[in-house]
Each structure stands twice: as C-alpha cells, then as structure tokens.
C-alpha cells in the first residue's frame, strides 16, 4: 500500500504518542477493561451517543436558517438588481460538516453562510466594491462588518449568520486575478471561491464547500469492520440556496462524533476556567486535525471492531498530527495551498499553550471515564465531563439521564507575561 502524506503523519503520530507515554508514564486510553464484557462496551457507546444527542442543535433552527438565507438572496436581487441565477448561497463551517453544537449556556451560536456570486453576470469587479455592495443590500438587518464577512444578528433567533460574499475563483476578472492571495489545491479545485479579505483589500482563495466535502468524504470511508461493505457517501444539492444539512449523527459516524465531543469538551474547559475564552482552540483546527488523522488511518487500511476503539485513537493521535515546517507550527488547509490554520500560534505562543493544556485535560478526563469500574460511575463521570443536564438530555430506556456536573478545581491558566 502506497504511503500518503496523512498516513505518514499518522505513523509519526503513533511513534510520538508511544514515546511520550513511556517518557511521562501517562496511561494510554484503553478498552482492555471492556474486553470481557461486550455489554459494558455497548453501555459506554450508548452514553457517548447520549452526549452526542444532547449537544446537537434542534432541527427547527436549520429550517429557520434556510429561510433566512432565502430572504438574504431575495434582498440582494431586489436591492442590487442582480440576476437571481447569479447568486448561490450555501452553508459553510460546522453547519455544513454536520458538526455544529449548541453552547453549554444555550447562548447564540453562529451559522456561517457563503454567498457565491457569478461576477461575469454583474458589473462589480473590485473586491471592496463587491463587499460593500453586499453589506449595503443587507442594511435592514444592521450587518456588522467583519474581516471577510457581514455578521447579521437576527432578532428572535438562537443564532446569528456570518454572511461571506464570494465569487467562483474562475469568475474573478482577469484584470484583478494577479492580486489573489493563495491558490486552490488540486483537491476539490472546482469548488474553489474567492472571498474579500478586507484588511488587504484583495481577493483571497477559499474553499468552504470543498472543505466540507473533504470532511464528508473521509467520514464516509468505513473503518469499522461491520461497515466495510456499506456506502455512506453524502451528496450535495445544486440548488441556488442550499439548506443547512440535517444534524443527525450516529456513533458509527465516528469522525463527526469525535469532532462534536471535542468541541463540547473545549467549550466546557472554557466555561470552567481551564482555558481563557480568547485563547480557546478554534473549531477549524480541531476539525482539520481529526479529519487528517481519520484519512491517514483509512489510507493505512486500519480496521476497528468498535467505534470506541476508533474514537480513542482519534483523540490520542490528534495532538501529534501538527506539523513543523521551518520551525513553525503548521496545520494545512487541505483545499487551499499555503494556508496555515495554525499561523496565529507562531505569532502568539499562548494559543499553542492553551491547546496543549486543553488536550492534556481531555486525555485526563477520558482516562477517568475509561478507568471507571462500573456502568453507574462511568455514566456519572461522563455527565460531569461534558456538562449535560438531566432536564435537557435524552433519557435512555432505563430512565437515567445526564445530570449536571459539580464544580471542579480549574487548572491554572498560562502566565500572561504581558503578551497581547
């Protein structure tokens, strides 16, 4: 079997994980406690599924979001006299990868949307002119300008939409094409877009739909023995307004479950003051590292007998998937050449320190779950780790739900040393 880049990174991650475990005597996660009892293993999987169900966002939210997308598209057509066929609005980010979770305190969350406009059908050519025209068309919602998007906070909604004006990369006028930052990779090149980077006032290559396709395509590669002969590939709508994907995910979709659980654990770490809010690991880093790891395992031909085994490997190997290039941290965007999601880590070391604190805490918490000697104590630990409440959690057939966690003693945050 030919070694790929990600299978190479996974092999290196396995070596580094094992060396670190021996060096620090940190106990690796293990399913050994469950090998004599398939019932216990299934009970753990059930508890993980309960957490996954608890943190998902209600489907009604996505119906509202799709309706808001349509309103935005109509407003652009009305205000700017753009042809309706020139506009395509699609979800991006967590909503499009089916990894969106609600916040622990039920505060508003963002649903990202990309507005892809065929510039060959309208008169706008300069990136900032295009960006500002979109913002002006959305004025009734009082949009807030951001680095590459307009933030629209709808009244009465549980979410806000970050609306990114863009155009298909091949529709950028030739006169300005030399000013585009970054270039698309060969993967999902046909989905590449150009977005407006307002600080530089230039077009910048982006590929949110390609990134979502990457996560979906990797998630559909069966690493569980009993799924090897099943096809799980998702499809994408070609409608002008793409609805937000339904967020139902089962534990057999282990990659997406892992992404959701780790995002929730990160949010709980912030809520409990283990890490500072402005230093928390961003979701795109978690998604990219886990998906790279999953792809590498699939490329290696790895096969697992149970989702928990695969979940353990993804969690343990993820921190070791980070590359070092010319003494800098690198987490490469698989769909855009030269874009490094860890770029700010090299400028602000406390971001990487916070990531390390969080991943150490994650392994400690999961080890505590795995070390529980009976189902009741294990379930109680899971309740505490993921901060689920009995009132909001689905209730399993035996009637026991997920209850609130007792306050824990937070880890010390890294010293500031005057860094901004």
Protein backbone atom coordinates (compact mmCIF):
# COMPACT_ATOMS: atom_id res chain seq x y z
CA UNK A 1 0.00 0.00 0.00
CA UNK A 2 1.41 3.38 -1.08
CA UNK A 3 2.11 5.74 1.81
CA UNK A 4 0.23 9.04 1.61
CA UNK A 5 1.04 12.28 3.38
CA UNK A 6 -1.59 11.73 6.05
CA UNK A 7 -0.73 8.06 6.59
CA UNK A 8 2.87 9.22 7.09
CA UNK A 9 1.70 11.79 9.65
CA UNK A 10 -0.35 9.12 11.43
CA UNK A 11 2.63 6.75 11.57
CA UNK A 12 4.75 9.55 13.03
CA UNK A 13 1.96 10.43 15.47
CA UNK A 14 1.77 6.83 16.68
CA UNK A 15 5.52 6.81 17.33
CA UNK A 16 5.41 10.14 19.17
CA UNK A 17 2.39 9.11 21.22
CA UNK A 18 4.10 5.91 22.34
CA UNK A 19 7.35 7.71 23.14
CA UNK A 20 5.52 10.37 25.14
CA UNK A 21 3.57 7.74 27.07
CA UNK A 22 6.80 5.95 28.01
CA UNK A 23 8.58 9.19 28.87
CA UNK A 24 5.87 10.60 31.13
CA UNK A 25 4.32 7.30 32.25
CA UNK A 26 0.95 8.69 31.15
CA UNK A 27 -1.59 5.91 30.91
CA UNK A 28 -2.90 5.47 27.38
CA UNK A 29 -6.60 5.15 26.81
CA UNK A 30 -7.58 1.52 26.53
CA UNK A 31 -10.62 -0.72 26.05
CA UNK A 32 -8.95 -3.57 27.95
CA UNK A 33 -11.40 -3.13 30.83
CA UNK A 34 -14.20 -3.97 28.44
CA UNK A 35 -12.74 -6.94 26.58
CA UNK A 36 -14.52 -9.44 28.80
CA UNK A 37 -17.84 -7.65 28.60
CA UNK A 38 -19.38 -6.53 25.33
CA UNK A 39 -22.28 -5.24 27.43
CA UNK A 40 -20.02 -2.67 29.14
CA UNK A 41 -18.60 -1.55 25.80
CA UNK A 42 -22.07 -1.08 24.36
CA UNK A 43 -23.14 0.80 27.50
CA UNK A 44 -20.22 3.21 27.04
CA UNK A 45 -21.17 3.70 23.39
CA UNK A 46 -24.75 4.41 24.47
CA UNK A 47 -23.58 7.06 26.93
CA UNK A 48 -21.41 8.69 24.26
CA UNK A 49 -24.41 8.72 21.92
CA UNK A 50 -26.48 10.38 24.65
CA UNK A 51 -23.94 13.18 24.92
CA UNK A 52 -23.86 13.49 21.13
CA UNK A 53 -27.66 13.80 21.05
CA UNK A 54 -27.64 16.27 23.94
CA UNK A 55 -25.26 18.75 22.30
CA UNK A 56 -26.82 18.77 18.84
CA UNK A 57 -28.84 21.76 17.68
CA UNK A 58 -32.60 21.43 17.14
CA UNK A 59 -33.62 20.76 13.55
CA UNK A 60 -36.06 23.69 13.62
CA UNK A 61 -33.07 26.03 13.82
CA UNK A 62 -31.88 24.88 10.41
CA UNK A 63 -35.27 25.40 8.85
CA UNK A 64 -35.14 28.99 10.11
CA UNK A 65 -31.59 29.41 8.81
CA UNK A 66 -32.51 28.22 5.32
CA UNK A 67 -35.44 30.66 5.34
CA UNK A 68 -33.10 33.50 6.35
CA UNK A 69 -30.70 32.54 3.54
CA UNK A 70 -33.55 32.83 1.06
CA UNK A 71 -34.50 36.25 2.45
CA UNK A 72 -30.93 37.44 2.01
CA UNK A 73 -30.78 36.18 -1.57
CA UNK A 74 -34.06 37.93 -2.41
CA UNK A 75 -32.79 41.14 -0.84
CA UNK A 76 -29.61 41.09 -2.94
CA UNK A 77 -31.67 40.62 -6.09
CA UNK A 78 -34.09 43.39 -5.09
CA UNK A 79 -31.57 45.98 -3.88
CA UNK A 80 -28.77 45.43 -6.40
CA UNK A 81 -30.74 44.33 -9.45
CA UNK A 82 -28.57 41.26 -9.73
CA UNK A 83 -29.93 38.29 -11.71
CA UNK A 84 -31.30 35.69 -9.31
CA UNK A 85 -29.45 32.97 -11.22
CA UNK A 86 -26.14 34.73 -10.46
CA UNK A 87 -26.46 34.10 -6.71
CA UNK A 88 -25.86 30.86 -4.84
CA UNK A 89 -25.98 30.71 -1.04
CA UNK A 90 -24.55 27.70 0.79
CA UNK A 91 -23.80 26.87 4.43
CA UNK A 92 -20.19 26.53 5.49
CA UNK A 93 -18.27 25.65 8.63
CA UNK A 94 -19.76 23.45 11.35
CA UNK A 95 -23.27 23.56 9.88
CA UNK A 96 -22.09 22.16 6.55
CA UNK A 97 -19.89 19.44 8.10
CA UNK A 98 -22.73 18.34 10.43
CA UNK A 99 -20.59 19.11 13.48
CA UNK A 100 -22.46 22.14 14.82
CA UNK A 101 -23.12 22.01 18.57
CA UNK A 102 -25.03 24.25 20.92
CA UNK A 103 -23.16 26.16 23.59
CA UNK A 104 -23.21 24.94 27.22
CA UNK A 105 -25.14 28.03 28.32
CA UNK A 106 -27.50 27.95 25.31
CA UNK A 107 -26.23 31.34 24.14
CA UNK A 108 -26.39 32.31 20.47
CA UNK A 109 -24.14 30.46 18.05
CA UNK A 110 -23.05 31.31 14.54
CA UNK A 111 -24.18 29.64 11.33
CA UNK A 112 -21.80 30.54 8.51
CA UNK A 113 -23.11 31.15 5.01
CA UNK A 114 -21.27 31.82 1.76
CA UNK A 115 -22.90 33.98 -0.89
CA UNK A 116 -21.32 32.92 -4.18
CA UNK A 117 -21.99 35.47 -6.95
CA UNK A 118 -21.12 34.98 -10.61
CA UNK A 119 -19.24 38.23 -11.28
CA UNK A 120 -19.48 37.69 -15.04
CA UNK A 121 -23.22 38.46 -14.74
CA UNK A 122 -22.91 41.73 -12.77
CA UNK A 123 -20.89 44.94 -13.04
CA UNK A 124 -18.90 44.70 -9.80
CA UNK A 125 -15.20 43.98 -10.31
CA UNK A 126 -13.16 45.36 -7.40
CA UNK A 127 -13.25 43.22 -4.24
CA UNK A 128 -14.04 46.01 -1.74
CA UNK A 129 -16.74 47.44 -4.01
CA UNK A 130 -18.32 44.00 -4.16
CA UNK A 131 -18.06 43.51 -0.38
CA UNK A 132 -19.59 46.91 0.41
CA UNK A 133 -22.46 46.47 -2.06
CA UNK A 134 -23.47 43.24 -0.32
CA UNK A 135 -23.35 44.95 3.07
CA UNK A 136 -25.46 47.85 1.80
CA UNK A 137 -28.09 45.44 0.47
CA UNK A 138 -28.39 43.87 3.92
CA UNK A 139 -28.78 47.21 5.70
CA UNK A 140 -32.24 46.45 7.13
CA UNK A 141 -30.60 43.80 9.35
CA UNK A 142 -27.89 46.23 10.51
CA UNK A 143 -24.98 43.97 9.49
CA UNK A 144 -21.67 44.24 11.31
CA UNK A 145 -18.57 44.27 9.06
CA UNK A 146 -16.01 41.58 9.86
CA UNK A 147 -12.70 40.59 8.27
CA UNK A 148 -14.27 38.61 5.40
CA UNK A 149 -17.99 38.56 6.14
CA UNK A 150 -21.02 40.52 7.33
CA UNK A 151 -22.42 39.42 10.69
CA UNK A 152 -26.22 39.51 10.79
CA UNK A 153 -27.85 39.07 14.20
CA UNK A 154 -31.50 38.22 13.61
CA UNK A 155 -33.95 39.26 16.30
CA UNK A 156 -35.67 36.34 17.98
CA UNK A 157 -33.27 33.74 16.56
CA UNK A 158 -30.99 31.48 18.58
CA UNK A 159 -28.20 32.11 16.11
CA UNK A 160 -26.55 34.80 14.05
CA UNK A 161 -25.36 34.36 10.47
CA UNK A 162 -21.90 35.29 9.28
CA UNK A 163 -22.53 36.02 5.61
CA UNK A 164 -19.43 35.85 3.39
CA UNK A 165 -19.58 37.48 -0.07
CA UNK A 166 -17.62 35.45 -2.62
CA UNK A 167 -17.36 34.51 -6.26
CA UNK A 168 -16.25 31.30 -8.01
CA UNK A 169 -12.50 31.58 -8.37
CA UNK A 170 -12.64 31.30 -12.15
CA UNK A 171 -15.09 34.24 -12.28
CA UNK A 172 -12.65 36.78 -10.83
CA UNK A 173 -11.96 39.39 -13.56
CA UNK A 174 -8.64 38.77 -15.30
CA UNK A 175 -7.52 42.30 -14.52
CA UNK A 176 -7.53 41.50 -10.80
CA UNK A 177 -6.61 37.80 -10.84
CA UNK A 178 -2.94 38.54 -10.13
CA UNK A 179 -3.98 40.06 -6.80
CA UNK A 180 -5.49 36.84 -5.40
CA UNK A 181 -3.89 35.60 -2.16
CA UNK A 182 -3.23 31.83 -2.12
CA UNK A 183 -4.20 29.32 -4.79
CA UNK A 184 -6.51 26.31 -4.68
CA UNK A 185 -5.11 22.84 -4.12
CA UNK A 186 -5.90 20.09 -6.59
CA UNK A 187 -8.41 18.59 -4.15
CA UNK A 188 -11.91 19.95 -4.81
CA UNK A 189 -10.43 22.63 -7.06
CA UNK A 190 -13.73 23.02 -8.93
CA UNK A 191 -15.39 24.24 -5.71
CA UNK A 192 -12.84 26.99 -5.00
CA UNK A 193 -14.05 30.53 -4.34
CA UNK A 194 -12.53 33.98 -3.99
CA UNK A 195 -13.58 35.91 -0.88
CA UNK A 196 -12.84 39.51 0.04
CA UNK A 197 -10.06 39.95 2.60
CA UNK A 198 -10.87 43.44 3.88
CA UNK A 199 -7.56 44.14 5.71
CA UNK A 200 -5.60 43.64 2.48
CA UNK A 201 -8.48 44.78 0.23
CA UNK A 202 -7.72 41.82 -2.04
CA UNK A 203 -9.34 38.62 -3.18
CA UNK A 204 -8.32 35.55 -1.21
CA UNK A 205 -8.80 31.95 -2.24
CA UNK A 206 -11.21 29.99 -0.06
CA UNK A 207 -12.94 26.66 -0.44
CA UNK A 208 -15.58 26.11 2.27
CA UNK A 209 -17.63 23.72 0.15
CA UNK A 210 -14.50 21.76 -0.78
CA UNK A 211 -13.52 21.58 2.90
CA UNK A 212 -16.98 20.28 3.82
CA UNK A 213 -16.75 17.71 1.03
CA UNK A 214 -13.38 16.61 2.39
CA UNK A 215 -14.79 16.01 5.88
CA UNK A 216 -17.82 14.22 4.44
CA UNK A 217 -15.76 12.08 2.07
CA UNK A 218 -13.36 10.99 4.81
CA UNK A 219 -16.17 10.33 7.28
CA UNK A 220 -17.80 8.04 4.72
CA UNK A 221 -14.71 5.81 4.49
CA UNK A 222 -15.64 2.84 6.70
CA UNK A 223 -13.00 1.99 9.32
CA UNK A 224 -15.42 -0.14 11.35
CA UNK A 225 -15.34 -3.79 10.34
CA UNK A 226 -19.12 -4.09 10.10
CA UNK A 227 -19.35 -1.05 7.82
CA UNK A 228 -16.68 -2.03 5.32
CA UNK A 229 -19.16 -3.15 2.68
CA UNK A 230 -21.56 -0.24 3.06
CA UNK A 231 -21.52 3.00 1.10
CA UNK A 232 -22.02 6.11 3.25
CA UNK A 233 -21.15 8.90 0.80
CA UNK A 234 -23.17 12.11 1.20
CA UNK A 235 -24.47 14.14 -1.74
CA UNK A 236 -24.67 17.87 -2.17
CA UNK A 237 -27.56 19.88 -3.51
CA UNK A 238 -27.13 22.03 -6.60
CA UNK A 239 -29.97 24.33 -5.58
CA UNK A 240 -29.32 28.06 -5.61
CA UNK A 241 -29.95 28.12 -1.85
CA UNK A 242 -28.58 25.02 -0.17
CA UNK A 243 -30.39 24.11 3.08
CA UNK A 244 -28.33 23.52 6.18
CA UNK A 245 -27.66 19.74 6.41
CA UNK A 246 -29.64 17.78 8.98
CA UNK A 247 -27.50 17.26 12.04
CA UNK A 248 -28.46 13.68 12.96
CA UNK A 249 -25.21 11.77 13.51
CA UNK A 250 -24.83 8.26 14.95
CA UNK A 251 -21.77 6.97 16.78
CA UNK A 252 -20.91 4.81 13.77
CA UNK A 253 -20.07 8.13 12.09
CA UNK A 254 -17.14 8.24 14.48
CA UNK A 255 -15.27 11.13 12.89
CA UNK A 256 -18.15 13.58 13.23
CA UNK A 257 -18.96 12.32 16.74
CA UNK A 258 -15.31 12.86 17.71
CA UNK A 259 -15.40 16.41 16.34
CA UNK A 260 -18.59 17.20 18.26
CA UNK A 261 -17.34 15.73 21.53
CA UNK A 262 -14.02 17.54 21.38
CA UNK A 263 -15.66 20.86 20.56
CA UNK A 264 -18.01 20.38 23.50
CA UNK A 265 -15.12 19.46 25.81
CA UNK A 266 -13.24 22.57 24.69
CA UNK A 267 -16.29 24.74 25.42
CA UNK A 268 -16.63 23.18 28.86
CA UNK A 269 -12.93 23.80 29.52
CA UNK A 270 -13.54 27.49 28.84
CA UNK A 271 -16.70 27.54 30.94
CA UNK A 272 -14.80 26.04 33.90
CA UNK A 273 -11.84 28.44 33.53
CA UNK A 274 -9.29 25.84 32.48
CA UNK A 275 -8.50 27.95 29.41
CA UNK A 276 -9.24 31.58 28.60
CA UNK A 277 -12.05 32.32 26.10
CA UNK A 278 -9.87 34.30 23.71
CA UNK A 279 -7.24 31.52 23.71
CA UNK A 280 -9.51 28.53 23.11
CA UNK A 281 -8.59 26.24 20.17
CA UNK A 282 -10.65 27.26 17.15
CA UNK A 283 -13.00 24.72 15.64
CA UNK A 284 -11.30 24.62 12.23
CA UNK A 285 -8.12 23.33 13.90
CA UNK A 286 -9.98 20.56 15.74
CA UNK A 287 -11.87 19.53 12.59
CA UNK A 288 -8.75 19.57 10.41
CA UNK A 289 -6.53 17.58 12.77
CA UNK A 290 -9.18 14.92 13.41
CA UNK A 291 -10.03 14.59 9.72
CA UNK A 292 -6.36 14.37 8.72
CA UNK A 293 -5.96 11.64 11.33
CA UNK A 294 -9.03 9.77 10.08
CA UNK A 295 -7.84 9.98 6.47
CA UNK A 296 -4.39 8.76 7.46
CA UNK A 297 -5.85 5.78 9.33
CA UNK A 298 -8.05 4.97 6.31
CA UNK A 299 -5.07 5.26 3.96
CA UNK A 300 -3.17 2.83 6.22
CA UNK A 301 -6.02 0.34 5.94
CA UNK A 302 -6.81 0.49 9.67
CA UNK A 303 -9.84 -1.53 10.77
CA UNK A 304 -11.63 -1.29 14.12
CA UNK A 305 -14.13 -3.64 15.72
CA UNK A 306 -15.94 -0.96 17.73
CA UNK A 307 -16.49 2.83 17.45
CA UNK A 308 -14.96 3.40 20.91
CA UNK A 309 -11.64 1.94 19.75
CA UNK A 310 -11.58 4.31 16.78
CA UNK A 311 -12.62 7.25 18.95
CA UNK A 312 -9.74 6.56 21.32
CA UNK A 313 -7.17 6.54 18.51
CA UNK A 314 -8.53 9.77 17.03
CA UNK A 315 -8.36 11.54 20.39
CA UNK A 316 -4.90 10.28 21.32
CA UNK A 317 -3.27 10.87 17.93
CA UNK A 318 -4.83 14.27 17.15
CA UNK A 319 -2.27 16.43 19.04
CA UNK A 320 0.58 14.67 17.25
CA UNK A 321 -0.79 15.44 13.76
CA UNK A 322 0.52 19.01 14.00
CA UNK A 323 3.38 19.57 11.55
CA UNK A 324 6.54 21.61 11.98
CA UNK A 325 7.74 23.43 8.87
CA UNK A 326 10.83 25.59 9.10
CA UNK A 327 10.41 25.68 12.87
CA UNK A 328 6.80 26.86 12.63
CA UNK A 329 3.59 25.06 13.56
CA UNK A 330 1.57 24.02 10.53
CA UNK A 331 -1.97 22.75 10.14
CA UNK A 332 -2.51 22.97 6.41
CA UNK A 333 -5.84 23.72 4.78
CA UNK A 334 -6.27 20.67 2.52
CA UNK A 335 -8.17 22.70 -0.09
CA UNK A 336 -6.09 25.92 -0.28
CA UNK A 337 -2.36 25.85 -0.99
CA UNK A 338 -0.22 27.71 1.54
CA UNK A 339 -2.96 28.46 4.07
CA UNK A 340 -1.90 27.54 7.59
CA UNK A 341 -4.67 27.31 10.20
CA UNK A 342 -2.00 27.43 12.95
CA UNK A 343 -0.48 30.66 11.67
CA UNK A 344 -1.51 32.62 14.77
CA UNK A 345 0.16 30.02 17.02
CA UNK A 346 3.51 31.18 15.63
CA UNK A 347 2.64 34.82 16.34
CA UNK A 348 1.01 34.24 19.72
CA UNK A 349 2.57 31.27 21.59
CA UNK A 350 -0.11 31.32 24.29
CA UNK A 351 -2.57 29.92 21.73
CA UNK A 352 -0.48 26.77 21.39
CA UNK A 353 -0.01 26.61 25.16
CA UNK A 354 -3.78 26.74 25.58
CA UNK A 355 -4.21 23.95 23.03
CA UNK A 356 -1.72 21.81 24.96
CA UNK A 357 -3.48 22.48 28.28
CA UNK A 358 -6.81 21.52 26.74
CA UNK A 359 -5.60 18.29 25.10
CA UNK A 360 -3.91 17.22 28.34
CA UNK A 361 -7.14 17.83 30.24
CA UNK A 362 -9.07 15.94 27.56
CA UNK A 363 -6.91 12.85 27.96
CA UNK A 364 -7.13 13.06 31.74
CA UNK A 365 -10.92 13.23 31.60
CA UNK A 366 -11.23 10.38 29.10
CA UNK A 367 -8.85 8.24 31.15
CA UNK A 368 -11.11 8.83 34.15
CA UNK A 369 -14.07 7.65 32.08
CA UNK A 370 -12.26 4.54 30.91
CA UNK A 371 -10.99 3.75 34.42
CA UNK A 372 -14.48 3.67 35.96
CA UNK A 373 -15.18 0.24 37.43
CA UNK A 374 -18.91 0.06 36.80
CA UNK A 375 -21.53 1.49 34.48
CA UNK A 376 -23.10 3.87 37.01
CA UNK A 377 -19.83 5.54 37.98
CA UNK A 378 -18.78 5.73 34.34
CA UNK A 379 -22.04 7.41 33.38
CA UNK A 380 -21.67 9.87 36.24
CA UNK A 381 -18.17 10.77 35.06
CA UNK A 382 -19.42 11.30 31.52
CA UNK A 383 -22.13 13.59 32.86
CA UNK A 384 -19.53 15.67 34.65
CA UNK A 385 -17.02 15.81 31.82
CA UNK A 386 -19.46 17.01 29.14
CA UNK A 387 -21.67 19.15 31.37
CA UNK A 388 -25.01 17.63 30.39
CA UNK A 389 -28.15 18.22 32.43
CA UNK A 390 -30.95 15.79 33.18
CA UNK A 391 -33.57 18.31 32.10
CA UNK A 392 -32.07 18.76 28.64
CA UNK A 393 -30.67 15.31 27.91
CA UNK A 394 -32.39 12.48 26.10
CA UNK A 395 -33.43 9.78 28.57
CA UNK A 396 -32.36 6.20 27.85
CA UNK A 397 -34.76 3.28 28.28
CA UNK A 398 -33.61 2.59 31.83
CA UNK A 399 -34.73 6.08 32.83
CA UNK A 400 -31.32 7.53 33.83
CA UNK A 401 -30.43 10.81 32.19
CA UNK A 402 -27.32 13.00 32.16
CA UNK A 403 -27.11 15.31 35.16
CA UNK A 404 -25.17 18.50 35.97
CA UNK A 405 -21.51 18.38 36.80
CA UNK A 406 -20.29 19.55 40.19
CA UNK A 407 -17.85 22.46 40.00
CA UNK A 408 -14.27 21.29 39.63
CA UNK A 409 -10.97 22.91 40.54
CA UNK A 410 -9.70 24.63 37.38
CA UNK A 411 -6.19 24.16 36.03
CA UNK A 412 -4.02 27.24 36.21
CA UNK A 413 -4.01 29.30 33.03
CA UNK A 414 -0.59 30.02 31.49
CA UNK A 415 1.11 33.19 32.75
CA UNK A 416 0.43 36.23 30.57
CA UNK A 417 3.92 37.80 30.59
CA UNK A 418 2.38 40.92 29.10
CA UNK A 419 1.58 39.25 25.77
CA UNK A 420 -1.43 40.66 23.89
